Protein backbone atom coordinates (compact mmCIF):
# COMPACT_ATOMS: atom_id res chain seq x y z
CA MET A 1 0.17 0.28 0.07
CA ARG A 2 1.22 3.81 -0.85
CA VAL A 3 -0.15 7.45 0.60
CA VAL A 4 1.20 10.02 -0.96
CA ARG A 5 0.67 13.54 -0.47
CA CYS A 6 -0.07 15.38 -3.49
CA GLY A 7 0.20 18.62 -5.19
CA CYS A 8 -1.28 19.04 -8.26
CA ALA A 9 -3.07 21.45 -10.08
CA GLY A 10 -6.32 20.90 -7.90
CA GLY A 11 -4.88 21.68 -5.21
CA ARG A 12 -3.38 19.76 -2.15
CA HIS A 13 -4.94 16.06 -1.91
CA TRP A 14 -4.10 12.49 -0.67
CA TYR A 15 -3.78 9.46 -3.36
CA ALA A 16 -3.80 5.33 -1.86
CA ASP A 17 -3.09 2.43 -3.61
CA ILE A 18 -2.37 -0.87 -3.38
CA ASP A 19 -0.13 -2.85 -5.85
CA ASP A 20 2.48 -6.09 -5.45
CA ALA A 21 5.95 -6.66 -4.99
CA GLU A 22 6.34 -7.84 -8.82
CA ASP A 23 4.80 -4.51 -10.62
CA PRO A 24 5.64 -1.40 -7.80
CA GLN A 25 4.74 1.31 -10.37
CA PRO A 26 1.81 3.55 -9.90
CA ASP A 27 0.90 3.18 -13.62
CA ASP A 28 -1.81 -0.45 -12.88
CA PRO A 29 -2.30 -0.90 -9.21
CA PHE A 30 -5.43 -3.13 -7.99
CA TRP A 31 -7.34 -0.09 -6.59
CA TYR A 32 -6.53 2.92 -6.13
CA VAL A 33 -8.03 6.31 -4.26
CA ASP A 34 -7.37 9.84 -4.99
CA GLY A 35 -9.11 13.00 -3.69
CA CYS A 36 -8.76 12.48 -0.39
CA ALA A 37 -8.80 15.09 2.01
CA SER A 38 -6.56 14.18 4.90
CA GLN A 39 -4.15 11.48 5.32
CA LYS A 40 -5.59 9.36 8.24
CA GLN A 41 -8.95 9.10 5.38
CA ALA A 42 -6.36 8.36 2.72
CA LEU A 43 -4.94 5.50 5.38
CA GLU A 44 -8.60 4.19 6.60
CA THR A 45 -9.71 3.90 3.02
CA ALA A 46 -6.53 2.00 1.78
CA CYS A 47 -6.97 0.06 4.65
CA GLU A 48 -10.49 -1.39 4.27
CA GLN A 49 -10.07 -2.21 0.59
CA LEU A 50 -7.12 -3.79 1.54
CA SER A 51 -9.01 -6.73 3.81
CA SER A 52 -11.19 -6.50 1.47
CA LEU A 53 -8.20 -7.42 -1.44
CA ALA A 54 -6.63 -10.03 1.40
CA GLY A 55 -9.87 -12.29 2.05
CA ARG A 56 -10.85 -11.91 -1.79
CA MET A 57 -7.57 -13.61 -1.97
CA TYR A 58 -8.02 -16.10 0.81
CA ARG A 59 -11.08 -17.37 -0.76
CA GLY A 60 -9.00 -18.09 -4.42
CA ASP A 61 -10.24 -15.40 -6.27
CA ARG A 62 -8.15 -13.87 -8.92
CA LEU A 63 -7.11 -10.12 -8.36
CA LEU A 64 -7.57 -7.95 -11.47
CA ARG A 65 -5.57 -4.82 -11.65
CA VAL A 66 -7.71 -1.46 -12.40
CA LEU A 67 -6.94 -1.76 -16.02
CA ASP A 68 -8.20 -5.20 -16.60
């Protein structure tokens, strides 16, 4: 999981994504959220999603990347 504070044209906000060690680039993660108002919000949202993805993996589901 990666949580980053962005300072782009739309103003400062927080971004989070979930990727794996084989493809750590932010171009095609398993999940992402952008535009969070705080680091806490980005972390809480990402932790909830990480728990959901872990449950799906445990059941044997194949995880798709955002662009799949």
